[in-house]
Amino acid sequence: MNRVAAIEACLAAAFPVLELAVEDQSHRHRGHAGAADGRGHFRVRLVSSAFAGQPPLARHRAVHAALAGLMQTEIHALALDLRAPGEDRQGNRARS
């Protein structure tokens, strides 16, 4: 299983997923000292009802906990866009 698929599988097992996109951005960080050990840089967009009512820090902690094993072996950096259903980028409810 490749790293993107492993991240997707861990997140899908930990959260009710409405939307999930994982992008491997490791190629943008070649030569970066922090990635010298082979771990990668990833961007994750996850929309889940599990995030409803949670502040951003709690969401980030939950995702890091779900990916704890991969953080040790496969992931150097994560850019996270975590939302509850109907939220915009700032966490505000979208207007109808």
PDB file of N, CA and C in Angstrom:
ATOM      1  N   MET A   1       0.847  -1.176   0.000  1.00  0.00           N
ATOM      2  CA  MET A   1       0.000   0.000   0.000  1.00  0.00           C
ATOM      3  C   MET A   1       0.893   1.239   0.000  1.00  0.00           C
ATOM      4  N   ASN A   2       0.590   2.201  -0.887  1.00  0.00           N
ATOM      5  CA  ASN A   2       1.400   3.408  -0.910  1.00  0.00           C
ATOM      6  C   ASN A   2       1.023   4.322   0.255  1.00  0.00           C
ATOM      7  N   ARG A   3       1.803   5.372   0.466  1.00  0.00           N
ATOM      8  CA  ARG A   3       1.607   6.238   1.631  1.00  0.00           C
ATOM      9  C   ARG A   3       0.277   6.978   1.601  1.00  0.00           C
ATOM     10  N   VAL A   4      -0.148   7.457   0.449  1.00  0.00           N
ATOM     11  CA  VAL A   4      -1.434   8.158   0.352  1.00  0.00           C
ATOM     12  C   VAL A   4      -2.564   7.203   0.721  1.00  0.00           C
ATOM     13  N   ALA A   5      -2.533   5.997   0.188  1.00  0.00           N
ATOM     14  CA  ALA A   5      -3.568   5.006   0.495  1.00  0.00           C
ATOM     15  C   ALA A   5      -3.556   4.643   1.979  1.00  0.00           C
ATOM     16  N   ALA A   6      -2.384   4.564   2.590  1.00  0.00           N
ATOM     17  CA  ALA A   6      -2.285   4.249   4.014  1.00  0.00           C
ATOM     18  C   ALA A   6      -2.885   5.365   4.861  1.00  0.00           C
ATOM     19  N   ILE A   7      -2.629   6.610   4.493  1.00  0.00           N
ATOM     20  CA  ILE A   7      -3.207   7.750   5.212  1.00  0.00           C
ATOM     21  C   ILE A   7      -4.728   7.742   5.060  1.00  0.00           C
ATOM     22  N   GLU A   8      -5.201   7.538   3.836  1.00  0.00           N
ATOM     23  CA  GLU A   8      -6.649   7.477   3.599  1.00  0.00           C
ATOM     24  C   GLU A   8      -7.304   6.373   4.418  1.00  0.00           C
ATOM     25  N   ALA A   9      -6.679   5.208   4.472  1.00  0.00           N
ATOM     26  CA  ALA A   9      -7.235   4.082   5.209  1.00  0.00           C
ATOM     27  C   ALA A   9      -7.312   4.379   6.708  1.00  0.00           C
ATOM     28  N   CYS A  10      -6.278   4.974   7.264  1.00  0.00           N
ATOM     29  CA  CYS A  10      -6.280   5.314   8.688  1.00  0.00           C
ATOM     30  C   CYS A  10      -7.367   6.332   9.012  1.00  0.00           C
ATOM     31  N   LEU A  11      -7.499   7.344   8.171  1.00  0.00           N
ATOM     32  CA  LEU A  11      -8.499   8.380   8.424  1.00  0.00           C
ATOM     33  C   LEU A  11      -9.914   7.843   8.248  1.00  0.00           C
ATOM     34  N   ALA A  12     -10.112   7.015   7.240  1.00  0.00           N
ATOM     35  CA  ALA A  12     -11.440   6.430   7.014  1.00  0.00           C
ATOM     36  C   ALA A  12     -11.833   5.500   8.155  1.00  0.00           C
ATOM     37  N   ALA A  13     -10.870   4.857   8.774  1.00  0.00           N
ATOM     38  CA  ALA A  13     -11.154   3.976   9.911  1.00  0.00           C
ATOM     39  C   ALA A  13     -11.465   4.769  11.176  1.00  0.00           C
ATOM     40  N   ALA A  14     -10.922   5.991  11.278  1.00  0.00           N
ATOM     41  CA  ALA A  14     -11.060   6.772  12.504  1.00  0.00           C
ATOM     42  C   ALA A  14     -12.227   7.761  12.489  1.00  0.00           C
ATOM     43  N   PHE A  15     -12.673   8.175  11.300  1.00  0.00           N
ATOM     44  CA  PHE A  15     -13.688   9.227  11.194  1.00  0.00           C
ATOM     45  C   PHE A  15     -14.768   8.848  10.196  1.00  0.00           C
ATOM     46  N   PRO A  16     -16.009   9.304  10.444  1.00  0.00           N
ATOM     47  CA  PRO A  16     -17.026   9.174   9.403  1.00  0.00           C
ATOM     48  C   PRO A  16     -16.701  10.204   8.307  1.00  0.00           C
ATOM     49  N   VAL A  17     -16.297   9.737   7.158  1.00  0.00           N
ATOM     50  CA  VAL A  17     -15.780  10.608   6.101  1.00  0.00           C
ATOM     51  C   VAL A  17     -16.890  11.025   5.140  1.00  0.00           C
ATOM     52  N   LEU A  18     -17.035  12.333   4.960  1.00  0.00           N
ATOM     53  CA  LEU A  18     -17.924  12.866   3.934  1.00  0.00           C
ATOM     54  C   LEU A  18     -17.117  13.294   2.709  1.00  0.00           C
ATOM     55  N   GLU A  19     -15.903  13.736   2.959  1.00  0.00           N
ATOM     56  CA  GLU A  19     -14.987  14.116   1.879  1.00  0.00           C
ATOM     57  C   GLU A  19     -13.567  13.892   2.382  1.00  0.00           C
ATOM     58  N   LEU A  20     -12.732  13.303   1.529  1.00  0.00           N
ATOM     59  CA  LEU A  20     -11.343  13.060   1.896  1.00  0.00           C
ATOM     60  C   LEU A  20     -10.472  13.179   0.655  1.00  0.00           C
ATOM     61  N   ALA A  21      -9.458  14.012   0.752  1.00  0.00           N
ATOM     62  CA  ALA A  21      -8.472  14.146  -0.313  1.00  0.00           C
ATOM     63  C   ALA A  21      -7.096  14.222   0.341  1.00  0.00           C
ATOM     64  N   VAL A  22      -6.198  13.371  -0.109  1.00  0.00           N
ATOM     65  CA  VAL A  22      -4.828  13.358   0.399  1.00  0.00           C
ATOM     66  C   VAL A  22      -3.898  13.578  -0.788  1.00  0.00           C
ATOM     67  N   GLU A  23      -3.049  14.579  -0.682  1.00  0.00           N
ATOM     68  CA  GLU A  23      -2.102  14.902  -1.749  1.00  0.00           C
ATOM     69  C   GLU A  23      -0.680  14.754  -1.223  1.00  0.00           C
ATOM     70  N   ASP A  24       0.120  13.971  -1.910  1.00  0.00           N
ATOM     71  CA  ASP A  24       1.534  13.822  -1.567  1.00  0.00           C
ATOM     72  C   ASP A  24       2.290  14.994  -2.185  1.00  0.00           C
ATOM     73  N   GLN A  25       2.835  15.852  -1.339  1.00  0.00           N
ATOM     74  CA  GLN A  25       3.581  17.024  -1.802  1.00  0.00           C
ATOM     75  C   GLN A  25       5.081  16.877  -1.544  1.00  0.00           C
ATOM     76  N   SER A  26       5.510  15.666  -1.338  1.00  0.00           N
ATOM     77  CA  SER A  26       6.911  15.414  -1.004  1.00  0.00           C
ATOM     78  C   SER A  26       7.866  15.929  -2.070  1.00  0.00           C
ATOM     79  N   HIS A  27       7.448  15.842  -3.329  1.00  0.00           N
ATOM     80  CA  HIS A  27       8.316  16.286  -4.423  1.00  0.00           C
ATOM     81  C   HIS A  27       8.667  17.772  -4.313  1.00  0.00           C
ATOM     82  N   ARG A  28       7.842  18.554  -3.639  1.00  0.00           N
ATOM     83  CA  ARG A  28       8.106  19.991  -3.459  1.00  0.00           C
ATOM     84  C   ARG A  28       9.144  20.257  -2.372  1.00  0.00           C
ATOM     85  N   HIS A  29       9.521  19.229  -1.638  1.00  0.00           N
ATOM     86  CA  HIS A  29      10.400  19.409  -0.487  1.00  0.00           C
ATOM     87  C   HIS A  29      11.692  18.608  -0.600  1.00  0.00           C
ATOM     88  N   ARG A  30      12.043  18.216  -1.806  1.00  0.00           N
ATOM     89  CA  ARG A  30      13.298  17.484  -1.996  1.00  0.00           C
ATOM     90  C   ARG A  30      14.462  18.321  -1.459  1.00  0.00           C
ATOM     91  N   GLY A  31      15.328  17.670  -0.729  1.00  0.00           N
ATOM     92  CA  GLY A  31      16.484  18.359  -0.174  1.00  0.00           C
ATOM     93  C   GLY A  31      16.207  19.023   1.164  1.00  0.00           C
ATOM     94  N   HIS A  32      14.962  19.048   1.595  1.00  0.00           N
ATOM     95  CA  HIS A  32      14.592  19.625   2.881  1.00  0.00           C
ATOM     96  C   HIS A  32      15.181  18.750   3.984  1.00  0.00           C
ATOM     97  N   ALA A  33      15.881  19.343   4.925  1.00  0.00           N
ATOM     98  CA  ALA A  33      16.568  18.571   5.960  1.00  0.00           C
ATOM     99  C   ALA A  33      15.606  17.690   6.751  1.00  0.00           C
ATOM    100  N   GLY A  34      14.407  18.179   7.017  1.00  0.00           N
ATOM    101  CA  GLY A  34      13.445  17.415   7.798  1.00  0.00           C
ATOM    102  C   GLY A  34      12.921  16.191   7.089  1.00  0.00           C
ATOM    103  N   ALA A  35      13.009  16.166   5.773  1.00  0.00           N
ATOM    104  CA  ALA A  35      12.516  15.020   5.000  1.00  0.00           C
ATOM    105  C   ALA A  35      13.653  14.094   4.564  1.00  0.00           C
ATOM    106  N   ALA A  36      14.837  14.326   5.063  1.00  0.00           N
ATOM    107  CA  ALA A  36      15.996  13.537   4.645  1.00  0.00           C
ATOM    108  C   ALA A  36      15.866  12.062   5.019  1.00  0.00           C
ATOM    109  N   ASP A  37      15.032  11.760   6.012  1.00  0.00           N
ATOM    110  CA  ASP A  37      14.882  10.368   6.430  1.00  0.00           C
ATOM    111  C   ASP A  37      13.866   9.607   5.576  1.00  0.00           C
ATOM    112  N   GLY A  38      13.324  10.264   4.534  1.00  0.00           N
ATOM    113  CA  GLY A  38      12.420   9.589   3.616  1.00  0.00           C
ATOM    114  C   GLY A  38      10.944   9.764   3.923  1.00  0.00           C
ATOM    115  N   ARG A  39      10.627  10.374   5.069  1.00  0.00           N
ATOM    116  CA  ARG A  39       9.219  10.616   5.366  1.00  0.00           C
ATOM    117  C   ARG A  39       8.717  11.761   4.497  1.00  0.00           C
ATOM    118  N   GLY A  40       7.416  11.795   4.238  1.00  0.00           N
ATOM    119  CA  GLY A  40       6.876  12.735   3.264  1.00  0.00           C
ATOM    120  C   GLY A  40       6.062  13.883   3.826  1.00  0.00           C
ATOM    121  N   HIS A  41       5.737  14.794   2.918  1.00  0.00           N
ATOM    122  CA  HIS A  41       4.897  15.966   3.186  1.00  0.00           C
ATOM    123  C   HIS A  41       3.551  15.728   2.506  1.00  0.00           C
ATOM    124  N   PHE A  42       2.468  15.927   3.245  1.00  0.00           N
ATOM    125  CA  PHE A  42       1.137  15.646   2.720  1.00  0.00           C
ATOM    126  C   PHE A  42       0.161  16.767   3.047  1.00  0.00           C
ATOM    127  N   ARG A  43      -0.776  16.984   2.150  1.00  0.00           N
ATOM    128  CA  ARG A  43      -1.890  17.894   2.371  1.00  0.00           C
ATOM    129  C   ARG A  43      -3.144  17.034   2.465  1.00  0.00           C
ATOM    130  N   VAL A  44      -3.929  17.257   3.528  1.00  0.00           N
ATOM    131  CA  VAL A  44      -5.143  16.475   3.773  1.00  0.00           C
ATOM    132  C   VAL A  44      -6.330  17.416   3.905  1.00  0.00           C
ATOM    133  N   ARG A  45      -7.370  17.122   3.151  1.00  0.00           N
ATOM    134  CA  ARG A  45      -8.662  17.797   3.326  1.00  0.00           C
ATOM    135  C   ARG A  45      -9.643  16.725   3.770  1.00  0.00           C
ATOM    136  N   LEU A  46     -10.238  16.931   4.947  1.00  0.00           N
ATOM    137  CA  LEU A  46     -11.168  15.961   5.501  1.00  0.00           C
ATOM    138  C   LEU A  46     -12.400  16.682   6.020  1.00  0.00           C
ATOM    139  N   VAL A  47     -13.555  16.288   5.530  1.00  0.00           N
ATOM    140  CA  VAL A  47     -14.832  16.783   6.038  1.00  0.00           C
ATOM    141  C   VAL A  47     -15.484  15.607   6.753  1.00  0.00           C
ATOM    142  N   SER A  48     -15.781  15.817   8.035  1.00  0.00           N
ATOM    143  CA  SER A  48     -16.348  14.744   8.842  1.00  0.00           C
ATOM    144  C   SER A  48     -17.287  15.319   9.896  1.00  0.00           C
ATOM    145  N   SER A  49     -18.372  14.607  10.145  1.00  0.00           N
ATOM    146  CA  SER A  49     -19.302  15.019  11.198  1.00  0.00           C
ATOM    147  C   SER A  49     -18.644  14.938  12.571  1.00  0.00           C
ATOM    148  N   ALA A  50     -17.557  14.187  12.696  1.00  0.00           N
ATOM    149  CA  ALA A  50     -16.838  14.087  13.969  1.00  0.00           C
ATOM    150  C   ALA A  50     -16.265  15.431  14.406  1.00  0.00           C
ATOM    151  N   PHE A  51     -16.091  16.362  13.478  1.00  0.00           N
ATOM    152  CA  PHE A  51     -15.497  17.656  13.799  1.00  0.00           C
ATOM    153  C   PHE A  51     -16.520  18.704  14.235  1.00  0.00           C
ATOM    154  N   ALA A  52     -17.793  18.382  14.163  1.00  0.00           N
ATOM    155  CA  ALA A  52     -18.833  19.341  14.538  1.00  0.00           C
ATOM    156  C   ALA A  52     -18.651  19.749  15.994  1.00  0.00           C
ATOM    157  N   GLY A  53     -18.581  21.052  16.220  1.00  0.00           N
ATOM    158  CA  GLY A  53     -18.446  21.588  17.567  1.00  0.00           C
ATOM    159  C   GLY A  53     -17.044  21.525  18.145  1.00  0.00           C
ATOM    160  N   GLN A  54     -16.073  21.008  17.388  1.00  0.00           N
ATOM    161  CA  GLN A  54     -14.704  20.922  17.880  1.00  0.00           C
ATOM    162  C   GLN A  54     -13.890  22.119  17.401  1.00  0.00           C
ATOM    163  N   PRO A  55     -13.061  22.686  18.269  1.00  0.00           N
ATOM    164  CA  PRO A  55     -12.151  23.748  17.814  1.00  0.00           C
ATOM    165  C   PRO A  55     -11.049  23.152  16.938  1.00  0.00           C
ATOM    166  N   PRO A  56     -10.388  23.982  16.153  1.00  0.00           N
ATOM    167  CA  PRO A  56      -9.345  23.491  15.241  1.00  0.00           C
ATOM    168  C   PRO A  56      -8.267  22.647  15.927  1.00  0.00           C
ATOM    169  N   LEU A  57      -7.811  23.040  17.103  1.00  0.00           N
ATOM    170  CA  LEU A  57      -6.749  22.294  17.764  1.00  0.00           C
ATOM    171  C   LEU A  57      -7.193  20.870  18.099  1.00  0.00           C
ATOM    172  N   ALA A  58      -8.422  20.707  18.545  1.00  0.00           N
ATOM    173  CA  ALA A  58      -8.937  19.368  18.850  1.00  0.00           C
ATOM    174  C   ALA A  58      -9.013  18.514  17.585  1.00  0.00           C
ATOM    175  N   ARG A  59      -9.386  19.122  16.472  1.00  0.00           N
ATOM    176  CA  ARG A  59      -9.453  18.396  15.198  1.00  0.00           C
ATOM    177  C   ARG A  59      -8.069  17.920  14.788  1.00  0.00           C
ATOM    178  N   HIS A  60      -7.088  18.816  14.887  1.00  0.00           N
ATOM    179  CA  HIS A  60      -5.714  18.467  14.516  1.00  0.00           C
ATOM    180  C   HIS A  60      -5.190  17.343  15.408  1.00  0.00           C
ATOM    181  N   ARG A  61      -5.455  17.442  16.698  1.00  0.00           N
ATOM    182  CA  ARG A  61      -4.992  16.396  17.613  1.00  0.00           C
ATOM    183  C   ARG A  61      -5.624  15.050  17.268  1.00  0.00           C
ATOM    184  N   ALA A  62      -6.909  15.065  16.934  1.00  0.00           N
ATOM    185  CA  ALA A  62      -7.594  13.813  16.584  1.00  0.00           C
ATOM    186  C   ALA A  62      -6.991  13.183  15.331  1.00  0.00           C
ATOM    187  N   VAL A  63      -6.673  13.996  14.331  1.00  0.00           N
ATOM    188  CA  VAL A  63      -6.072  13.472  13.101  1.00  0.00           C
ATOM    189  C   VAL A  63      -4.664  12.951  13.383  1.00  0.00           C
ATOM    190  N   HIS A  64      -3.894  13.699  14.147  1.00  0.00           N
ATOM    191  CA  HIS A  64      -2.548  13.223  14.487  1.00  0.00           C
ATOM    192  C   HIS A  64      -2.608  11.920  15.270  1.00  0.00           C
ATOM    193  N   ALA A  65      -3.578  11.767  16.150  1.00  0.00           N
ATOM    194  CA  ALA A  65      -3.729  10.516  16.892  1.00  0.00           C
ATOM    195  C   ALA A  65      -4.080   9.370  15.946  1.00  0.00           C
ATOM    196  N   ALA A  66      -4.952   9.633  14.990  1.00  0.00           N
ATOM    197  CA  ALA A  66      -5.342   8.594  14.031  1.00  0.00           C
ATOM    198  C   ALA A  66      -4.169   8.163  13.154  1.00  0.00           C
ATOM    199  N   LEU A  67      -3.248   9.071  12.925  1.00  0.00           N
ATOM    200  CA  LEU A  67      -2.097   8.796  12.050  1.00  0.00           C
ATOM    201  C   LEU A  67      -0.812   8.539  12.838  1.00  0.00           C
ATOM    202  N   ALA A  68      -0.929   8.297  14.130  1.00  0.00           N
ATOM    203  CA  ALA A  68       0.256   8.200  14.999  1.00  0.00           C
ATOM    204  C   ALA A  68       1.305   7.218  14.483  1.00  0.00           C
ATOM    205  N   GLY A  69       0.888   6.048  14.064  1.00  0.00           N
ATOM    206  CA  GLY A  69       1.857   5.071  13.559  1.00  0.00           C
ATOM    207  C   GLY A  69       2.581   5.556  12.324  1.00  0.00           C
ATOM    208  N   LEU A  70       1.841   6.179  11.416  1.00  0.00           N
ATOM    209  CA  LEU A  70       2.448   6.686  10.180  1.00  0.00           C
ATOM    210  C   LEU A  70       3.317   7.915  10.429  1.00  0.00           C
ATOM    211  N   MET A  71       3.010   8.668  11.492  1.00  0.00           N
ATOM    212  CA  MET A  71       3.823   9.845  11.806  1.00  0.00           C
ATOM    213  C   MET A  71       5.247   9.429  12.167  1.00  0.00           C
ATOM    214  N   GLN A  72       5.384   8.246  12.699  1.00  0.00           N
ATOM    215  CA  GLN A  72       6.705   7.750  13.092  1.00  0.00           C
ATOM    216  C   GLN A  72       7.517   7.230  11.912  1.00  0.00           C
ATOM    217  N   THR A  73       6.813   6.759  10.862  1.00  0.00           N
ATOM    218  CA  THR A  73       7.524   6.058   9.790  1.00  0.00           C
ATOM    219  C   THR A  73       7.384   6.672   8.402  1.00  0.00           C
ATOM    220  N   GLU A  74       6.261   7.337   8.124  1.00  0.00           N
ATOM    221  CA  GLU A  74       5.968   7.767   6.752  1.00  0.00           C
ATOM    222  C   GLU A  74       5.726   9.260   6.581  1.00  0.00           C
ATOM    223  N   ILE A  75       5.304   9.946   7.634  1.00  0.00           N
ATOM    224  CA  ILE A  75       4.883  11.345   7.509  1.00  0.00           C
ATOM    225  C   ILE A  75       5.839  12.259   8.259  1.00  0.00           C
ATOM    226  N   HIS A  76       6.357  13.250   7.556  1.00  0.00           N
ATOM    227  CA  HIS A  76       7.179  14.287   8.185  1.00  0.00           C
ATOM    228  C   HIS A  76       6.328  15.519   8.483  1.00  0.00           C
ATOM    229  N   ALA A  77       5.454  15.889   7.531  1.00  0.00           N
ATOM    230  CA  ALA A  77       4.666  17.110   7.695  1.00  0.00           C
ATOM    231  C   ALA A  77       3.269  16.926   7.122  1.00  0.00           C
ATOM    232  N   LEU A  78       2.300  17.563   7.785  1.00  0.00           N
ATOM    233  CA  LEU A  78       0.905  17.536   7.341  1.00  0.00           C
ATOM    234  C   LEU A  78       0.374  18.957   7.251  1.00  0.00           C
ATOM    235  N   ALA A  79      -0.274  19.272   6.150  1.00  0.00           N
ATOM    236  CA  ALA A  79      -1.057  20.504   6.027  1.00  0.00           C
ATOM    237  C   ALA A  79      -2.505  20.038   6.094  1.00  0.00           C
ATOM    238  N   LEU A  80      -3.240  20.500   7.096  1.00  0.00           N
ATOM    239  CA  LEU A  80      -4.581  19.978   7.343  1.00  0.00           C
ATOM    240  C   LEU A  80      -5.668  21.019   7.099  1.00  0.00           C
ATOM    241  N   ASP A  81      -6.682  20.626   6.367  1.00  0.00           N
ATOM    242  CA  ASP A  81      -7.909  21.391   6.161  1.00  0.00           C
ATOM    243  C   ASP A  81      -9.021  20.492   6.677  1.00  0.00           C
ATOM    244  N   LEU A  82      -9.463  20.737   7.911  1.00  0.00           N
ATOM    245  CA  LEU A  82     -10.410  19.857   8.597  1.00  0.00           C
ATOM    246  C   LEU A  82     -11.695  20.622   8.870  1.00  0.00           C
ATOM    247  N   ARG A  83     -12.802  20.094   8.378  1.00  0.00           N
ATOM    248  CA  ARG A  83     -14.071  20.798   8.503  1.00  0.00           C
ATOM    249  C   ARG A  83     -15.199  19.851   8.889  1.00  0.00           C
ATOM    250  N   ALA A  84     -16.179  20.421   9.564  1.00  0.00           N
ATOM    251  CA  ALA A  84     -17.444  19.730   9.771  1.00  0.00           C
ATOM    252  C   ALA A  84     -18.300  20.009   8.536  1.00  0.00           C
ATOM    253  N   PRO A  85     -19.324  19.204   8.285  1.00  0.00           N
ATOM    254  CA  PRO A  85     -20.188  19.447   7.121  1.00  0.00           C
ATOM    255  C   PRO A  85     -20.779  20.862   7.163  1.00  0.00           C
ATOM    256  N   GLY A  86     -20.736  21.548   6.025  1.00  0.00           N
ATOM    257  CA  GLY A  86     -21.317  22.872   5.908  1.00  0.00           C
ATOM    258  C   GLY A  86     -20.437  24.019   6.354  1.00  0.00           C
ATOM    259  N   GLU A  87     -19.201  23.755   6.766  1.00  0.00           N
ATOM    260  CA  GLU A  87     -18.300  24.821   7.196  1.00  0.00           C
ATOM    261  C   GLU A  87     -17.456  25.330   6.036  1.00  0.00           C
ATOM    262  N   ASP A  88     -17.097  26.617   6.110  1.00  0.00           N
ATOM    263  CA  ASP A  88     -16.144  27.170   5.153  1.00  0.00           C
ATOM    264  C   ASP A  88     -14.735  27.037   5.739  1.00  0.00           C
ATOM    265  N   ARG A  89     -13.749  27.580   5.077  1.00  0.00           N
ATOM    266  CA  ARG A  89     -12.355  27.439   5.517  1.00  0.00           C
ATOM    267  C   ARG A  89     -12.109  28.005   6.907  1.00  0.00           C
ATOM    268  N   GLN A  90     -12.874  29.003   7.322  1.00  0.00           N
ATOM    269  CA  GLN A  90     -12.686  29.619   8.623  1.00  0.00           C
ATOM    270  C   GLN A  90     -13.493  28.919   9.720  1.00  0.00           C
ATOM    271  N   GLY A  91     -14.218  27.879   9.375  1.00  0.00           N
ATOM    272  CA  GLY A  91     -14.998  27.160  10.360  1.00  0.00           C
ATOM    273  C   GLY A  91     -16.394  27.730  10.567  1.00  0.00           C
ATOM    274  N   ASN A  92     -16.776  28.682   9.722  1.00  0.00           N
ATOM    275  CA  ASN A  92     -18.116  29.265   9.806  1.00  0.00           C
ATOM    276  C   ASN A  92     -19.102  28.394   9.042  1.00  0.00           C
ATOM    277  N   ARG A  93     -20.312  28.324   9.531  1.00  0.00           N
ATOM    278  CA  ARG A  93     -21.370  27.605   8.824  1.00  0.00           C
ATOM    279  C   ARG A  93     -21.634  28.307   7.505  1.00  0.00           C
ATOM    280  N   ALA A  94     -21.698  27.524   6.434  1.00  0.00           N
ATOM    281  CA  ALA A  94     -21.996  28.091   5.114  1.00  0.00           C
ATOM    282  C   ALA A  94     -23.445  28.598   5.115  1.00  0.00           C
ATOM    283  N   ARG A  95     -23.654  29.721   4.451  1.00  0.00           N
ATOM    284  CA  ARG A  95     -25.002  30.300   4.385  1.00  0.00           C
ATOM    285  C   ARG A  95     -25.777  29.653   3.261  1.00  0.00           C
ATOM    286  N   SER A  96     -27.059  29.450   3.487  1.00  0.00           N
ATOM    287  CA  SER A  96     -27.910  28.839   2.470  1.00  0.00           C
ATOM    288  C   SER A  96     -28.560  29.893   1.614  1.00  0.00           C
TER     289      SER A  96
END
